[in-house]
Protein backbone atom coordinates (compact mmCIF):
# COMPACT_ATOMS: atom_id res chain seq x y z
CA MET A 1 16.30 10.17 -13.70
CA THR A 2 16.68 6.76 -15.63
CA LYS A 3 14.81 4.71 -12.94
CA LYS A 4 11.54 3.17 -13.90
CA LEU A 5 10.60 1.62 -10.78
CA ILE A 6 10.96 3.48 -7.25
CA ALA A 7 10.28 1.05 -4.48
CA PHE A 8 9.56 1.96 -0.29
CA ASP A 9 9.47 0.11 2.88
CA LEU A 10 6.63 1.51 4.94
CA ASP A 11 7.23 2.25 8.33
CA ASP A 12 9.92 4.87 9.38
CA THR A 13 10.02 5.36 5.44
CA LEU A 14 6.90 6.71 4.33
CA ALA A 15 5.50 7.12 7.26
CA ILE A 16 5.82 7.28 11.06
CA SER A 17 5.30 3.56 12.23
CA LYS A 18 1.66 2.12 11.86
CA SER A 19 0.81 6.03 11.27
CA LEU A 20 -1.01 7.66 8.08
CA ILE A 21 1.21 9.29 5.73
CA SER A 22 1.42 12.96 6.13
CA ASP A 23 -0.15 15.61 3.62
CA ARG A 24 3.23 16.17 2.25
CA MET A 25 4.23 12.61 1.71
CA ALA A 26 0.54 12.06 -0.20
CA GLU A 27 1.31 14.73 -2.26
CA LEU A 28 4.62 13.80 -3.54
CA PHE A 29 3.74 9.86 -3.65
CA THR A 30 0.94 10.89 -5.79
CA LYS A 31 2.93 13.11 -7.91
CA LEU A 32 5.43 10.00 -8.11
CA LEU A 33 2.62 7.51 -9.69
CA SER A 34 2.72 10.05 -12.74
CA HIS A 35 6.35 9.23 -13.89
CA TYR A 36 7.11 6.34 -12.38
CA HIS A 37 6.16 2.63 -11.32
CA VAL A 38 5.86 2.94 -7.76
CA CYS A 39 5.86 -0.40 -5.08
CA ILE A 40 5.64 -0.38 -1.33
CA ILE A 41 7.04 -3.80 0.22
CA SER A 42 6.66 -3.83 4.01
CA GLY A 43 5.75 -6.33 6.92
CA GLY A 44 2.57 -4.85 7.69
CA LYS A 45 -0.72 -6.39 6.11
CA ILE A 46 -2.83 -5.33 2.85
CA GLU A 47 -5.25 -3.57 5.25
CA GLN A 48 -2.30 -1.66 6.56
CA PHE A 49 -1.12 -0.22 3.32
CA HIS A 50 -4.79 0.81 2.45
CA MET A 51 -4.78 2.72 5.15
CA GLN A 52 -1.58 4.36 5.86
CA VAL A 53 -0.94 5.22 1.96
CA VAL A 54 -3.46 4.17 -0.55
CA ASP A 55 -6.54 5.91 1.36
CA ARG A 56 -4.61 9.06 1.90
CA ILE A 57 -3.77 9.72 -2.00
CA ASP A 58 -5.79 11.30 -4.42
CA ALA A 59 -4.71 9.50 -7.46
CA SER A 60 -6.65 8.41 -10.63
CA ALA A 61 -7.06 5.01 -11.98
CA GLU A 62 -4.13 5.42 -14.74
CA GLN A 63 -1.95 6.27 -11.57
CA LEU A 64 -2.96 3.31 -9.28
CA SER A 65 -2.31 0.86 -12.20
CA HIS A 66 1.22 2.06 -11.67
CA LEU A 67 1.25 1.25 -8.26
CA HIS A 68 2.42 -2.41 -6.68
CA LEU A 69 1.66 -3.38 -3.15
CA MET A 70 3.91 -6.08 -1.54
CA PRO A 71 2.50 -6.98 1.96
CA THR A 72 4.16 -9.14 4.34
CA CYS A 73 7.67 -8.53 3.23
CA GLY A 74 6.95 -9.38 -0.57
CA THR A 75 5.14 -12.60 0.23
CA ARG A 76 1.80 -11.34 -1.33
CA TYR A 77 1.30 -9.35 -4.36
CA TYR A 78 -1.57 -6.86 -5.42
CA ARG A 79 -2.11 -4.73 -8.23
CA TYR A 80 -4.82 -2.44 -9.43
CA ASP A 81 -7.23 -3.45 -11.96
CA VAL A 82 -8.64 -0.86 -13.73
CA THR A 83 -11.43 -2.35 -15.47
CA ASN A 84 -12.77 -3.53 -12.40
CA GLU A 85 -11.70 -0.60 -10.03
CA THR A 86 -10.45 -3.27 -7.46
CA TRP A 87 -7.05 -4.55 -6.08
CA LYS A 88 -6.57 -8.37 -7.10
CA LEU A 89 -4.15 -10.65 -5.70
CA GLN A 90 -1.48 -11.76 -8.13
CA TYR A 91 0.11 -14.76 -5.81
CA ALA A 92 0.47 -15.23 -2.06
CA GLU A 93 3.19 -17.55 -0.55
CA ASP A 94 1.22 -18.72 2.70
CA LEU A 95 2.55 -20.88 5.36
CA THR A 96 0.48 -24.44 6.01
CA PRO A 97 -1.24 -24.54 9.37
CA GLU A 98 1.27 -26.83 10.56
CA GLN A 99 4.23 -24.23 9.73
CA LYS A 100 1.96 -21.57 11.75
CA LYS A 101 1.12 -23.88 14.77
CA HIS A 102 5.23 -24.53 15.42
CA ILE A 103 6.06 -21.05 14.45
CA ILE A 104 3.49 -19.34 17.33
CA GLU A 105 4.77 -21.97 19.58
CA VAL A 106 8.41 -21.28 18.69
CA LEU A 107 7.69 -17.47 18.91
CA GLU A 108 6.24 -17.59 22.27
CA GLN A 109 8.46 -20.02 24.01
CA SER A 110 11.44 -18.06 22.80
CA ALA A 111 9.80 -14.54 23.77
CA LYS A 112 9.22 -15.83 27.52
CA GLU A 113 12.75 -17.26 27.71
CA GLN A 114 13.99 -14.17 26.95
CA GLY A 115 11.90 -12.31 29.45
CA LEU A 116 10.10 -10.16 26.24
CA TRP A 117 6.51 -11.56 26.74
CA VAL A 118 4.57 -8.63 27.92
CA ASP A 119 1.57 -9.75 30.21
CA GLU A 120 -0.73 -6.38 29.14
CA PRO A 121 0.41 -5.99 25.35
CA TYR A 122 -1.03 -3.33 23.38
CA GLY A 123 -3.22 -5.69 21.02
CA GLU A 124 -2.23 -9.06 20.02
CA LEU A 125 1.72 -10.33 20.45
CA ILE A 126 1.61 -12.64 17.71
CA GLU A 127 -0.37 -11.94 14.59
CA ASP A 128 -0.84 -14.64 11.57
CA ARG A 129 -0.96 -13.06 8.46
CA ASN A 130 -1.06 -15.97 6.50
CA SER A 131 2.13 -16.01 4.38
CA GLN A 132 4.18 -14.20 7.49
CA ILE A 133 3.86 -14.90 11.39
CA THR A 134 4.86 -11.91 13.12
CA TYR A 135 5.72 -11.17 16.97
CA SER A 136 5.70 -7.69 18.14
CA VAL A 137 7.46 -7.39 21.63
CA LEU A 138 4.80 -4.55 22.67
CA GLY A 139 1.91 -5.76 20.81
CA GLN A 140 0.37 -4.58 17.46
CA GLN A 141 -1.05 -1.45 18.21
CA ALA A 142 1.63 0.02 20.96
CA PRO A 143 2.13 3.54 20.30
CA ALA A 144 4.81 4.91 18.01
CA GLU A 145 6.41 6.80 20.84
CA VAL A 146 6.49 3.64 23.02
CA LYS A 147 7.89 1.53 20.39
CA TYR A 148 10.70 3.99 19.41
CA ALA A 149 11.88 4.31 23.08
CA TRP A 150 12.07 0.44 23.63
CA ALA A 151 13.49 -0.02 20.34
CA GLU A 152 16.41 2.62 21.18
CA LYS A 153 17.15 0.83 24.50
CA ASN A 154 16.72 -2.61 23.53
CA ALA A 155 18.43 -3.24 19.94
CA GLU A 156 20.91 -5.87 21.10
CA THR A 157 17.58 -7.32 23.08
CA LYS A 158 15.75 -7.51 19.73
CA LEU A 159 18.65 -9.13 17.72
CA LYS A 160 19.46 -11.77 20.46
CA LEU A 161 15.75 -12.93 20.13
CA ARG A 162 15.88 -12.84 16.32
CA ASP A 163 18.57 -15.35 16.38
CA LEU A 164 17.40 -17.59 19.04
CA ILE A 165 14.03 -17.81 16.71
CA ALA A 166 16.08 -18.43 13.56
CA GLU A 167 18.10 -21.01 15.43
CA ARG A 168 14.80 -23.04 16.37
CA LEU A 169 13.38 -22.20 12.72
CA PRO A 170 16.48 -23.28 10.58
CA ASP A 171 13.78 -24.03 7.54
CA LEU A 172 12.05 -20.91 7.74
CA GLU A 173 13.21 -17.01 7.04
CA VAL A 174 13.24 -14.89 10.35
CA ARG A 175 14.28 -11.42 9.98
CA LEU A 176 13.95 -8.52 12.15
CA GLY A 177 10.78 -6.72 11.18
CA GLY A 178 9.45 -3.51 12.33
CA THR A 179 10.65 -1.02 15.18
CA THR A 180 9.65 -3.83 17.80
CA SER A 181 8.64 -7.22 15.65
CA VAL A 182 10.46 -10.10 14.22
CA ASP A 183 8.75 -11.95 11.10
CA VAL A 184 8.88 -15.44 9.94
CA THR A 185 8.34 -16.80 6.71
CA ARG A 186 8.67 -19.44 4.29
CA ILE A 187 12.30 -19.94 3.34
CA GLY A 188 13.74 -17.48 0.58
CA ILE A 189 10.50 -15.47 0.44
CA ASP A 190 11.47 -12.11 1.41
CA LYS A 191 11.77 -8.66 0.09
CA ALA A 192 14.28 -9.82 -2.83
CA TYR A 193 12.03 -12.33 -3.75
CA GLY A 194 8.93 -9.74 -4.04
CA ILE A 195 10.96 -7.49 -5.89
CA GLN A 196 12.24 -10.00 -8.21
CA LYS A 197 8.60 -11.42 -9.31
CA LEU A 198 8.01 -7.26 -10.04
CA MET A 199 10.83 -7.15 -12.24
CA ASP A 200 9.78 -10.27 -14.32
CA GLU A 201 5.93 -8.44 -14.34
CA LEU A 202 7.47 -5.28 -15.28
CA ASN A 203 10.41 -6.84 -17.46
CA ILE A 204 13.12 -4.76 -15.90
CA GLY A 205 16.37 -5.41 -14.18
CA THR A 206 17.98 -3.85 -10.82
CA ASP A 207 19.54 -1.14 -12.54
CA ASP A 208 16.13 0.23 -13.31
CA ILE A 209 15.16 0.49 -9.59
CA LEU A 210 15.41 2.93 -6.57
CA TYR A 211 14.83 1.41 -3.14
CA PHE A 212 14.25 3.54 -0.17
CA GLY A 213 14.41 1.80 3.57
CA ASP A 214 15.47 2.41 6.56
CA LYS A 215 16.78 -1.29 7.47
CA LEU A 216 19.55 -1.63 4.88
CA ASP A 217 22.33 -3.16 7.31
CA GLU A 218 22.80 -6.94 6.94
CA GLY A 219 20.04 -9.05 9.26
CA GLY A 220 17.49 -6.06 8.50
CA ASN A 221 14.07 -6.81 6.42
CA ASP A 222 15.38 -4.36 3.69
CA TYR A 223 19.00 -5.41 3.22
CA PRO A 224 17.78 -8.58 0.90
CA VAL A 225 16.61 -5.91 -1.79
CA LYS A 226 20.33 -4.08 -1.66
CA ALA A 227 21.82 -7.56 -1.82
CA LEU A 228 20.10 -7.77 -5.22
CA GLY A 229 22.63 -4.89 -6.11
CA ILE A 230 19.77 -2.60 -6.39
CA ASP A 231 20.59 1.21 -5.90
CA SER A 232 19.06 1.65 -2.50
CA ILE A 233 19.25 4.90 -0.29
CA ALA A 234 18.81 4.70 3.79
CA VAL A 235 16.53 6.71 5.67
CA GLU A 236 15.86 7.11 9.53
CA LYS A 237 12.50 8.75 8.75
CA TRP A 238 9.65 9.63 6.35
CA GLU A 239 11.33 13.32 6.23
CA ASP A 240 14.49 11.88 4.70
CA THR A 241 12.26 10.28 2.15
CA ALA A 242 10.34 13.24 1.37
CA PHE A 243 13.23 15.22 0.84
CA ALA A 244 15.11 12.81 -1.80
CA LEU A 245 11.59 12.77 -3.27
CA ASP A 246 11.49 16.57 -3.87
CA GLY A 247 15.01 16.32 -5.53
CA ILE A 248 14.00 13.64 -7.84
CA LEU A 249 10.67 15.49 -8.63
CA GLY A 250 12.50 18.48 -9.68
CA VAL A 251 14.62 16.95 -11.87
CA THR A 252 11.92 14.66 -13.71
CA GLN A 253 9.56 17.62 -13.71
């Protein structure tokens, strides 16, 4: 395969929502780092990336130097410093305190108006991720099976909530996030922004990239990458991604 960079969403692409990657995926992912630059770009915080993926792979320093971590939908970028054996922040497109306050107020008001404000959530309903504010309908720590059950019945409800929030925050970017979440960032700072930054960093073009995501339809947080003209593979679960990676590595090796 002629691609130089393979990029992934995280939840429902590399792993079950908020869960560790499987042993099979950890093995495939590590092998991939020996042949390609690899990027994870997703809505979660950097701590989530480490817990779900980085801490699960047995990769050398050289392999880690090929890994690019872009949490909060590409509003932040971390790269491994081989000399100091640490992850270094390359940029952060943080929201201002005033923006954060306003966003949180709008998220709470909109959710309550739509009857979606849970009195006893699984963890925080609204999380300040510095460069992104995320509202999770059931709470940040809701079990995967509970989230999937809710999402299956409430896809239209979630879309209506997203549209209402976007209407009230016209100067900000509002996207459908994970299984039960809505993400808010600065305008124009989305996954396409992150991927474009990475293309500049690696001196590559759109034809050099292959992207995997579970929300590639218009309005989903993976769609901006597809809209750049990047070859994209739509998946529904991590097993779909693993199947494709088996094929890619089979041709590569």
